[in-house]
N, C-alpha and C. Protein backbone atom coordinates (compact mmCIF):
# COMPACT_ATOMS: atom_id res chain seq x y z
N MET A 1 -83.54 2.43 91.63
CA MET A 1 -83.25 4.05 90.98
C MET A 1 -81.60 4.26 91.08
N THR A 2 -81.12 4.72 92.76
CA THR A 2 -80.48 5.06 93.23
C THR A 2 -79.19 4.16 92.88
N LYS A 3 -79.41 2.79 93.52
CA LYS A 3 -78.57 1.87 93.00
C LYS A 3 -77.98 2.01 91.92
N ARG A 4 -79.11 1.84 90.95
CA ARG A 4 -78.11 2.06 89.23
C ARG A 4 -77.55 3.15 89.07
N ALA A 5 -77.64 4.14 89.81
CA ALA A 5 -77.07 5.79 89.11
C ALA A 5 -75.93 5.25 89.86
N VAL A 6 -75.68 4.72 91.53
CA VAL A 6 -74.28 4.82 91.62
C VAL A 6 -73.51 3.81 90.82
N SER A 7 -73.94 2.42 90.36
CA SER A 7 -73.57 1.54 89.39
C SER A 7 -72.78 1.98 88.31
N LEU A 8 -73.91 3.12 87.87
CA LEU A 8 -73.76 3.95 86.42
C LEU A 8 -72.06 4.93 86.77
N ALA A 9 -72.24 5.39 87.63
CA ALA A 9 -70.94 6.74 88.13
C ALA A 9 -69.64 5.67 88.27
N ILE A 10 -70.28 4.56 88.98
CA ILE A 10 -68.71 3.77 89.35
C ILE A 10 -68.46 3.09 88.06
N ALA A 11 -68.79 2.51 86.91
CA ALA A 11 -68.65 2.39 86.07
C ALA A 11 -67.67 3.09 85.09
N LEU A 12 -68.45 4.70 85.50
CA LEU A 12 -68.13 5.55 84.09
C LEU A 12 -66.84 6.13 84.82
N ILE A 13 -66.66 6.22 86.32
CA ILE A 13 -65.52 6.75 87.22
C ILE A 13 -64.55 6.00 87.35
N LEU A 14 -64.32 5.09 87.50
CA LEU A 14 -63.44 3.55 87.70
C LEU A 14 -62.50 4.03 86.84
N PRO A 15 -63.04 3.41 85.66
CA PRO A 15 -61.59 3.63 84.42
C PRO A 15 -61.02 4.84 84.45
N ILE A 16 -61.72 6.03 84.74
CA ILE A 16 -61.06 7.45 84.69
C ILE A 16 -60.02 7.43 86.28
N ILE A 17 -60.43 6.85 87.29
CA ILE A 17 -59.31 6.97 88.14
C ILE A 17 -57.72 5.72 88.01
N LEU A 18 -58.16 4.60 87.48
CA LEU A 18 -57.16 4.12 86.92
C LEU A 18 -56.47 4.18 86.19
N LEU A 19 -56.75 4.84 85.34
CA LEU A 19 -56.09 5.35 83.77
C LEU A 19 -54.94 6.77 84.90
N CYS A 20 -55.86 7.50 85.53
CA CYS A 20 -54.99 8.43 86.54
C CYS A 20 -53.80 7.87 86.68
N GLY A 21 -54.22 6.85 87.52
CA GLY A 21 -53.17 6.18 88.67
C GLY A 21 -52.61 5.14 87.71
N CYS A 22 -51.99 4.77 86.65
CA CYS A 22 -51.16 4.17 86.02
C CYS A 22 -50.19 5.35 85.52
N SER A 23 -51.37 6.48 84.79
CA SER A 23 -50.91 7.73 84.30
C SER A 23 -49.58 8.22 85.30
N SER A 24 -50.13 8.47 86.58
CA SER A 24 -49.04 8.96 87.14
C SER A 24 -47.98 7.98 87.70
N GLU A 25 -48.14 6.86 87.55
CA GLU A 25 -47.15 5.76 87.85
C GLU A 25 -45.99 6.13 86.69
N GLN A 26 -46.23 5.88 85.45
CA GLN A 26 -45.26 5.82 84.12
C GLN A 26 -44.77 7.23 84.11
N ASN A 27 -45.53 8.44 85.17
CA ASN A 27 -44.70 9.23 85.08
C ASN A 27 -43.59 10.23 86.04
N LYS A 28 -43.58 8.60 86.89
CA LYS A 28 -42.79 9.18 88.23
C LYS A 28 -41.36 9.42 87.41
N ARG A 29 -40.98 10.96 88.08
CA ARG A 29 -39.28 11.00 87.76
C ARG A 29 -38.16 9.75 88.78
N LEU A 30 -37.29 9.34 87.96
CA LEU A 30 -36.20 8.50 88.05
C LEU A 30 -35.83 9.23 89.23
N SER A 31 -35.17 8.56 90.45
CA SER A 31 -34.05 9.03 91.03
C SER A 31 -32.75 9.11 90.28
N PRO A 32 -31.80 10.06 90.59
CA PRO A 32 -30.36 10.11 90.16
C PRO A 32 -29.75 9.06 89.94
N GLU A 33 -29.99 7.95 91.08
CA GLU A 33 -29.63 5.97 91.05
C GLU A 33 -30.16 5.69 89.56
N GLU A 34 -31.55 5.39 89.95
CA GLU A 34 -32.37 4.74 89.05
C GLU A 34 -32.35 5.68 87.24
N TYR A 35 -31.93 6.72 87.07
CA TYR A 35 -31.54 7.62 85.93
C TYR A 35 -30.33 6.59 85.41
N ARG A 36 -29.07 6.71 86.37
CA ARG A 36 -27.81 6.00 85.52
C ARG A 36 -28.29 5.12 85.56
N THR A 37 -29.01 4.15 85.94
CA THR A 37 -28.75 2.65 85.75
C THR A 37 -29.83 2.51 84.57
N ALA A 38 -30.84 3.09 84.11
CA ALA A 38 -31.45 3.30 82.89
C ALA A 38 -31.42 3.15 81.90
N MET A 39 -30.31 4.12 81.96
CA MET A 39 -29.46 5.23 80.70
C MET A 39 -28.51 4.04 80.43
N GLU A 40 -27.72 3.60 81.72
CA GLU A 40 -26.66 2.52 81.17
C GLU A 40 -27.13 0.86 80.75
N SER A 41 -28.07 1.15 80.96
CA SER A 41 -28.96 -0.21 80.53
C SER A 41 -29.61 -0.01 78.86
N ALA A 42 -30.10 0.95 78.84
CA ALA A 42 -30.29 1.27 77.13
C ALA A 42 -28.91 1.78 76.18
N TRP A 43 -28.10 1.91 76.94
CA TRP A 43 -26.82 2.33 76.02
C TRP A 43 -26.23 1.09 76.26
N ASP A 44 -25.98 -0.20 76.85
CA ASP A 44 -25.69 -1.31 76.49
C ASP A 44 -26.26 -2.18 75.47
N LYS A 45 -27.36 -1.56 75.23
CA LYS A 45 -28.34 -2.13 74.37
C LYS A 45 -28.36 -1.20 73.06
N TYR A 46 -28.04 -0.66 72.97
CA TYR A 46 -27.69 0.56 71.62
C TYR A 46 -26.81 0.15 71.36
N ILE A 47 -25.25 0.20 72.58
CA ILE A 47 -23.87 -0.11 71.69
C ILE A 47 -23.80 -2.25 71.26
N ASN A 48 -24.26 -2.68 71.64
CA ASN A 48 -24.37 -3.97 71.96
C ASN A 48 -25.43 -4.36 70.19
N SER A 49 -25.88 -3.49 69.86
CA SER A 49 -26.77 -3.47 68.57
C SER A 49 -25.85 -3.06 67.31
N MET A 50 -25.50 -2.06 67.79
CA MET A 50 -24.27 -1.33 66.49
C MET A 50 -23.27 -2.87 66.54
N LEU A 51 -22.62 -3.06 67.48
CA LEU A 51 -21.89 -4.20 67.70
C LEU A 51 -22.04 -5.52 66.66
N ASP A 52 -23.56 -5.76 66.72
CA ASP A 52 -24.22 -6.91 65.97
C ASP A 52 -23.94 -6.39 64.47
N LEU A 53 -24.56 -5.29 64.24
CA LEU A 53 -24.56 -4.88 62.94
C LEU A 53 -23.30 -4.84 62.19
N ILE A 54 -22.56 -4.05 62.85
CA ILE A 54 -21.04 -4.46 62.29
C ILE A 54 -20.76 -5.66 61.47
N ASP A 55 -20.91 -6.96 62.72
CA ASP A 55 -20.67 -8.01 62.16
C ASP A 55 -20.94 -8.28 60.72
N LEU A 56 -22.47 -7.50 60.53
CA LEU A 56 -23.09 -7.67 59.36
C LEU A 56 -23.20 -7.37 57.98
N ILE A 57 -22.30 -6.35 58.28
CA ILE A 57 -22.30 -5.28 57.43
C ILE A 57 -20.77 -5.38 56.51
N PRO A 58 -20.99 -5.73 55.05
CA PRO A 58 -19.91 -5.85 54.35
C PRO A 58 -19.31 -4.60 54.28
N LEU A 59 -18.05 -4.22 53.99
CA LEU A 59 -17.05 -3.16 53.94
C LEU A 59 -17.34 -2.47 52.54
N GLU A 60 -17.00 -3.07 51.52
CA GLU A 60 -17.25 -2.93 50.06
C GLU A 60 -18.79 -2.17 49.29
N LEU A 61 -18.77 -1.44 48.73
CA LEU A 61 -19.68 -1.49 48.11
C LEU A 61 -19.84 -1.66 46.88
N ASN A 62 -20.20 -3.13 46.66
CA ASN A 62 -20.18 -3.94 45.42
C ASN A 62 -21.70 -4.90 45.19
N GLU A 63 -21.56 -5.42 44.40
CA GLU A 63 -22.85 -6.17 43.92
C GLU A 63 -22.60 -7.98 45.08
N GLU A 64 -21.20 -7.96 45.14
CA GLU A 64 -21.29 -9.19 46.18
C GLU A 64 -21.83 -8.72 47.68
N SER A 65 -21.64 -7.50 48.12
CA SER A 65 -21.63 -6.81 49.38
C SER A 65 -23.12 -6.78 49.21
N VAL A 66 -24.11 -6.46 48.27
CA VAL A 66 -25.29 -6.38 48.09
C VAL A 66 -26.33 -7.92 48.79
N LYS A 67 -25.46 -8.96 47.96
CA LYS A 67 -25.85 -10.58 47.95
C LYS A 67 -25.53 -10.78 50.07
N THR A 68 -24.75 -10.36 50.33
CA THR A 68 -23.95 -10.84 51.50
C THR A 68 -25.19 -9.91 52.37
N LEU A 69 -25.71 -8.60 52.17
CA LEU A 69 -26.64 -7.73 53.06
C LEU A 69 -27.95 -8.64 52.70
N GLN A 70 -28.12 -9.06 51.85
CA GLN A 70 -29.38 -9.78 51.73
C GLN A 70 -29.34 -10.76 52.46
N GLU A 71 -28.06 -11.66 52.72
CA GLU A 71 -28.00 -12.96 52.83
C GLU A 71 -28.29 -12.87 54.81
N ASN A 72 -27.76 -11.67 55.13
CA ASN A 72 -27.61 -11.09 56.21
C ASN A 72 -29.19 -10.41 57.30
N ALA A 73 -30.21 -10.33 56.37
CA ALA A 73 -31.25 -9.31 56.67
C ALA A 73 -31.70 -10.45 57.71
N GLU A 74 -32.44 -11.27 58.13
CA GLU A 74 -32.13 -12.24 58.91
C GLU A 74 -31.78 -12.09 60.19
N SER A 75 -30.53 -12.04 60.00
CA SER A 75 -29.63 -11.96 61.42
C SER A 75 -29.57 -10.89 62.08
N ALA A 76 -30.03 -10.00 61.18
CA ALA A 76 -30.17 -8.07 61.69
C ALA A 76 -31.38 -7.79 62.42
N GLU A 77 -32.15 -8.42 62.18
CA GLU A 77 -33.26 -8.30 62.75
C GLU A 77 -33.42 -8.15 64.30
N PRO A 78 -32.87 -8.92 64.84
CA PRO A 78 -32.50 -8.71 66.51
C PRO A 78 -32.25 -7.53 66.76
N ALA A 79 -30.88 -7.17 65.95
CA ALA A 79 -29.70 -6.05 66.31
C ALA A 79 -30.71 -4.93 66.08
N LEU A 80 -31.48 -4.51 65.06
CA LEU A 80 -31.99 -3.98 64.90
C LEU A 80 -33.67 -3.37 66.02
N LYS A 81 -34.12 -4.69 66.30
CA LYS A 81 -35.16 -4.45 66.99
C LYS A 81 -34.36 -4.05 68.55
N MET A 82 -33.25 -4.74 68.73
CA MET A 82 -32.39 -3.98 69.94
C MET A 82 -32.04 -2.25 70.14
N ARG A 83 -32.00 -2.26 68.73
CA ARG A 83 -31.27 -0.53 68.65
C ARG A 83 -32.77 0.46 68.95
N GLU A 84 -33.60 -0.35 68.20
CA GLU A 84 -35.10 0.60 68.37
C GLU A 84 -35.42 0.13 69.59
N GLN A 85 -35.44 -1.01 70.45
CA GLN A 85 -36.02 -0.61 72.16
C GLN A 85 -35.28 -0.07 72.93
N SER A 86 -34.06 0.06 72.80
CA SER A 86 -32.75 1.11 73.48
C SER A 86 -33.49 2.43 73.39
N LEU A 87 -33.58 3.00 71.62
CA LEU A 87 -33.89 3.92 71.75
C LEU A 87 -35.51 4.70 72.48
N LYS A 88 -36.36 3.64 72.45
CA LYS A 88 -37.40 3.64 73.27
C LYS A 88 -37.44 3.99 74.51
N GLU A 89 -36.22 3.04 74.73
CA GLU A 89 -36.19 3.62 76.54
C GLU A 89 -35.65 4.64 76.88
N PHE A 90 -34.62 4.97 75.79
CA PHE A 90 -34.49 6.41 76.44
C PHE A 90 -35.50 7.50 76.14
N LYS A 91 -36.07 7.37 75.38
CA LYS A 91 -37.03 8.36 75.10
C LYS A 91 -38.08 8.17 76.34
N GLU A 92 -38.32 7.00 76.98
CA GLU A 92 -39.48 6.78 77.73
C GLU A 92 -39.14 7.05 79.41
N MET A 93 -37.54 7.70 79.83
CA MET A 93 -37.55 7.91 81.20
C MET A 93 -37.62 8.96 81.19
N LEU A 94 -38.01 9.16 82.69
CA LEU A 94 -38.63 10.79 83.14
C LEU A 94 -37.19 11.03 84.42
N PRO A 95 -36.17 11.89 83.69
CA PRO A 95 -35.09 11.83 84.75
C PRO A 95 -35.18 13.12 85.63
N PRO A 96 -34.47 12.70 86.63
CA PRO A 96 -34.58 13.63 87.69
C PRO A 96 -34.58 15.09 87.31
N GLU A 97 -34.86 16.44 88.08
CA GLU A 97 -35.14 17.63 87.48
C GLU A 97 -33.86 18.14 86.68
N LYS A 98 -32.66 17.74 87.65
CA LYS A 98 -31.47 18.08 87.48
C LYS A 98 -30.94 18.02 86.21
N TYR A 99 -31.37 16.85 85.78
CA TYR A 99 -30.85 16.53 84.23
C TYR A 99 -32.19 16.66 83.50
N ALA A 100 -32.63 16.88 83.21
CA ALA A 100 -33.87 17.08 82.13
C ALA A 100 -33.76 17.72 81.33
N GLU A 101 -32.84 18.72 81.20
CA GLU A 101 -32.63 19.60 80.39
C GLU A 101 -31.56 18.90 79.14
N LEU A 102 -30.90 17.78 79.84
CA LEU A 102 -29.43 17.64 78.68
C LEU A 102 -30.39 16.71 78.52
N HIS A 103 -31.52 15.96 78.62
CA HIS A 103 -32.25 14.49 78.64
C HIS A 103 -32.90 14.93 77.28
N LYS A 104 -33.53 16.17 77.00
CA LYS A 104 -34.02 16.86 76.70
C LYS A 104 -33.10 17.06 74.91
N LYS A 105 -31.95 17.26 75.26
CA LYS A 105 -30.90 17.60 74.29
C LYS A 105 -30.95 16.11 73.40
N LEU A 106 -30.39 14.97 74.70
CA LEU A 106 -30.64 13.64 73.99
C LEU A 106 -31.32 13.04 73.43
N ILE A 107 -32.80 13.43 73.77
CA ILE A 107 -34.16 13.07 72.74
C ILE A 107 -34.04 14.20 71.52
N SER A 108 -33.80 15.13 71.59
CA SER A 108 -33.86 15.83 70.42
C SER A 108 -32.64 15.21 69.44
N ALA A 109 -31.81 14.83 69.67
CA ALA A 109 -30.46 14.34 68.88
C ALA A 109 -30.85 13.01 68.62
N GLU A 110 -31.80 12.05 69.13
CA GLU A 110 -32.10 11.02 68.93
C GLU A 110 -33.11 10.79 67.65
N ASP A 111 -34.03 11.83 67.83
CA ASP A 111 -35.32 12.20 67.02
C ASP A 111 -34.64 12.77 65.57
N ALA A 112 -32.98 13.40 65.61
CA ALA A 112 -32.87 13.98 64.55
C ALA A 112 -31.83 13.12 63.52
N TRP A 113 -31.50 12.19 64.06
CA TRP A 113 -30.70 11.42 63.65
C TRP A 113 -30.89 9.88 64.03
N GLU A 114 -31.12 9.29 64.84
CA GLU A 114 -31.19 7.56 65.07
C GLU A 114 -32.18 7.32 64.83
N TYR A 115 -33.30 7.66 64.57
CA TYR A 115 -34.15 6.78 64.00
C TYR A 115 -34.04 6.88 62.36
N LYS A 116 -33.39 7.91 62.02
CA LYS A 116 -33.24 7.92 60.53
C LYS A 116 -32.00 7.07 60.72
N GLN A 117 -31.16 6.77 61.00
CA GLN A 117 -30.27 6.00 60.83
C GLN A 117 -30.65 4.25 60.85
N LEU A 118 -31.66 4.17 62.03
CA LEU A 118 -32.22 2.59 61.76
C LEU A 118 -32.78 2.39 60.74
N GLU A 119 -33.08 3.45 60.06
CA GLU A 119 -34.30 3.41 58.79
C GLU A 119 -33.14 2.98 57.94
N LEU A 120 -31.97 3.51 57.61
CA LEU A 120 -31.21 3.45 57.13
C LEU A 120 -30.87 1.85 56.94
N TYR A 121 -30.44 1.49 58.19
CA TYR A 121 -29.53 0.27 58.54
C TYR A 121 -30.98 -0.90 58.09
N ARG A 122 -32.10 -0.73 57.98
CA ARG A 122 -32.90 -1.52 57.79
C ARG A 122 -33.17 -1.92 56.11
N LYS A 123 -33.12 -0.55 55.25
CA LYS A 123 -33.40 -0.46 54.15
C LYS A 123 -31.64 -1.33 53.52
N MET A 124 -30.15 -0.73 54.27
CA MET A 124 -29.30 -1.70 53.90
C MET A 124 -29.60 -2.94 53.35
N PHE A 125 -30.46 -3.55 54.18
CA PHE A 125 -30.71 -5.01 54.54
C PHE A 125 -31.22 -5.55 52.94
N THR A 126 -32.12 -4.80 52.64
CA THR A 126 -33.42 -4.68 51.72
C THR A 126 -32.50 -4.22 50.28
N VAL A 127 -31.25 -3.97 50.11
CA VAL A 127 -30.85 -3.08 48.92
C VAL A 127 -31.09 -4.10 47.65
N GLN A 128 -31.11 -4.07 45.99
CA GLN A 128 -31.05 -4.59 45.35
C GLN A 128 -30.04 -4.82 44.54
N SER A 129 -29.07 -3.28 44.89
CA SER A 129 -28.11 -3.06 43.90
C SER A 129 -27.37 -2.48 44.96
N ALA A 130 -26.32 -2.13 43.89
CA ALA A 130 -24.66 -1.70 44.50
C ALA A 130 -25.23 -0.07 44.73
N ALA A 131 -25.34 0.22 43.53
CA ALA A 131 -25.73 1.65 43.47
C ALA A 131 -26.74 2.30 44.46
N GLU A 132 -28.11 1.23 44.79
CA GLU A 132 -28.70 1.73 45.96
C GLU A 132 -27.90 1.91 47.50
N LEU A 133 -26.60 0.61 47.45
CA LEU A 133 -26.36 0.70 48.57
C LEU A 133 -25.10 2.18 48.58
N THR A 134 -24.41 2.11 47.74
CA THR A 134 -23.71 3.35 47.26
C THR A 134 -24.28 4.46 48.14
N GLU A 135 -25.41 4.70 47.52
CA GLU A 135 -27.02 6.05 48.24
C GLU A 135 -26.61 6.03 50.00
N ILE A 136 -27.26 4.56 50.06
CA ILE A 136 -27.36 4.59 51.83
C ILE A 136 -25.74 5.42 52.31
N SER A 137 -24.80 5.02 51.65
CA SER A 137 -23.35 4.88 52.19
C SER A 137 -23.17 6.31 51.90
N LYS A 138 -23.63 7.11 51.19
CA LYS A 138 -23.48 8.76 50.53
C LYS A 138 -23.94 9.49 51.97
N ILE A 139 -25.27 8.76 52.31
CA ILE A 139 -26.31 9.52 53.65
C ILE A 139 -25.08 9.38 54.93
N PHE A 140 -24.59 8.48 55.24
CA PHE A 140 -24.06 8.24 56.10
C PHE A 140 -22.92 8.66 56.28
N GLU A 141 -22.06 8.97 55.32
CA GLU A 141 -20.73 9.87 55.29
C GLU A 141 -20.87 11.35 55.30
N GLU A 142 -22.02 11.93 54.59
CA GLU A 142 -22.88 12.80 54.52
C GLU A 142 -22.66 13.39 56.51
N HIS A 143 -23.68 12.68 56.97
CA HIS A 143 -23.87 13.09 58.50
C HIS A 143 -22.78 13.18 59.24
N SER A 144 -22.05 11.93 58.76
CA SER A 144 -20.19 11.92 59.41
C SER A 144 -19.58 13.01 59.47
N ALA A 145 -19.73 13.87 58.51
CA ALA A 145 -18.90 14.67 58.08
C ALA A 145 -19.56 16.28 58.47
N GLU A 146 -20.77 16.24 58.59
CA GLU A 146 -21.88 17.13 59.51
C GLU A 146 -21.30 17.10 61.00
N ILE A 147 -21.11 16.21 61.32
CA ILE A 147 -20.80 16.04 62.96
C ILE A 147 -19.32 16.29 63.49
N SER A 148 -18.63 16.40 62.89
CA SER A 148 -17.13 15.79 62.63
C SER A 148 -16.75 17.30 63.19
N GLY A 149 -16.95 18.34 63.09
CA GLY A 149 -17.19 19.47 63.13
C GLY A 149 -17.61 19.64 64.58
N THR A 150 -18.40 19.18 65.12
CA THR A 150 -19.22 19.75 66.24
C THR A 150 -18.80 18.74 67.64
N ALA A 151 -18.13 18.03 67.56
CA ALA A 151 -17.35 17.22 68.42
C ALA A 151 -15.96 17.59 68.10
N SER A 152 -15.44 18.08 69.32
CA SER A 152 -14.02 18.75 69.33
C SER A 152 -13.50 17.75 70.67
N ASP A 153 -14.01 17.63 71.47
CA ASP A 153 -13.57 17.02 72.31
C ASP A 153 -14.23 15.83 72.63
N PHE A 154 -13.89 14.89 73.72
CA PHE A 154 -14.37 13.61 74.01
C PHE A 154 -15.78 13.84 74.86
N GLY A 155 -16.86 13.28 74.28
CA GLY A 155 -17.98 13.77 75.54
C GLY A 155 -18.65 15.60 74.74
N SER A 156 -18.09 15.82 74.44
CA SER A 156 -18.94 16.99 73.81
C SER A 156 -19.70 17.00 72.77
N GLY A 157 -20.30 18.03 72.06
CA GLY A 157 -21.15 17.80 70.88
C GLY A 157 -22.65 17.66 70.91
N THR A 158 -23.33 17.48 69.89
CA THR A 158 -24.53 18.03 69.76
C THR A 158 -24.94 16.37 69.67
N THR A 159 -23.87 15.18 69.44
CA THR A 159 -24.70 13.95 68.38
C THR A 159 -24.74 12.98 69.69
N PHE A 160 -25.68 12.19 69.70
CA PHE A 160 -26.65 11.04 70.51
C PHE A 160 -25.53 10.86 71.58
N PRO A 161 -24.56 10.17 70.95
CA PRO A 161 -23.82 9.35 71.62
C PRO A 161 -22.64 10.71 72.81
N ALA A 162 -22.71 11.91 72.24
CA ALA A 162 -22.04 12.67 72.99
C ALA A 162 -22.86 13.51 74.14
N ILE A 163 -23.88 13.44 73.68
CA ILE A 163 -24.53 14.43 74.75
C ILE A 163 -25.13 12.80 75.92
N TYR A 164 -25.16 11.64 75.40
CA TYR A 164 -25.55 10.73 76.43
C TYR A 164 -23.90 10.79 77.06
N LEU A 165 -22.68 10.72 76.86
CA LEU A 165 -21.70 10.88 77.34
C LEU A 165 -21.56 12.06 78.47
N GLN A 166 -22.11 13.27 78.01
CA GLN A 166 -22.34 14.48 79.21
C GLN A 166 -23.19 14.57 80.22
N ILE A 167 -24.37 13.39 79.73
CA ILE A 167 -25.03 12.71 80.80
C ILE A 167 -24.29 11.90 81.83
N ILE A 168 -23.73 10.97 81.75
CA ILE A 168 -22.55 10.32 82.64
C ILE A 168 -21.84 11.19 83.37
N LYS A 169 -21.16 11.75 82.34
CA LYS A 169 -20.30 12.81 83.40
C LYS A 169 -20.49 13.52 84.17
N GLU A 170 -21.58 14.22 83.77
CA GLU A 170 -22.56 14.91 84.89
C GLU A 170 -23.24 13.99 86.41
N LEU A 171 -23.37 12.53 86.01
CA LEU A 171 -23.64 12.24 87.06
C LEU A 171 -22.84 11.55 87.73
N THR A 172 -21.57 11.55 87.14
CA THR A 172 -20.08 10.58 87.78
C THR A 172 -19.85 12.17 88.90
N ALA A 173 -19.67 13.37 87.99
CA ALA A 173 -19.57 14.42 88.50
C ALA A 173 -20.06 14.28 89.99
N ASP A 174 -21.45 14.09 89.76
CA ASP A 174 -22.23 14.55 91.06
C ASP A 174 -22.11 13.12 92.37
N ASN A 175 -21.41 12.05 91.94
CA ASN A 175 -20.87 10.58 92.44
C ASN A 175 -22.33 10.03 92.52
N VAL A 176 -22.84 9.50 91.63
CA VAL A 176 -24.17 9.13 91.49
C VAL A 176 -23.73 7.61 90.60
N GLY A 177 -23.88 6.46 91.81
CA GLY A 177 -23.68 5.62 91.25
C GLY A 177 -22.38 5.06 91.52
N GLY A 178 -21.67 6.05 91.82
CA GLY A 178 -20.25 5.71 92.12
C GLY A 178 -19.22 4.96 90.79
N LYS A 179 -19.73 5.35 89.62
CA LYS A 179 -19.20 4.17 88.51
C LYS A 179 -18.18 5.60 87.90
N THR A 180 -17.11 4.77 86.99
CA THR A 180 -16.66 5.77 85.89
C THR A 180 -17.08 5.52 84.50
N LEU A 181 -16.78 6.67 83.80
CA LEU A 181 -17.75 6.45 82.66
C LEU A 181 -17.60 5.41 81.83
N GLN A 182 -18.46 4.97 81.26
CA GLN A 182 -18.73 3.99 80.22
C GLN A 182 -18.48 4.00 79.03
């Protein structure tokens, strides 16, 4: 009976111990150097996805553009997935305490627009008419007009890219990584 009770206790407690161990490993704060490396890696994915998308999106808002977008839909998927992965990486980072408040702002800006933008890009590649494409374009224009007043200087403002630059500026000022702004 005692052997069975011990086995049962181990069977119940072992998963909890393992979960706690994994959880604490995942919630480990990054060192400033690890943080900068993680930030730059996620940023590279973010920017590369944008550059890839730019190549696939026509500049005109007409029926020919709708056809082009539909033809490019499959080619756009890797860029959209890379963008989504970069956003996930930013969210999963646990920055050093010194940069925690700025990182919270980064995630807040990400939640405020970046996921909506990703959704709009996905919709863009499935539009069926120039009117749908125009509607999506209007949302992008409205957002652009909204944020144009908030970023008066390079690396300031409340947008996701501006906050990223603020973090990199602080890391650089603290001589973390010994690199210049990217």
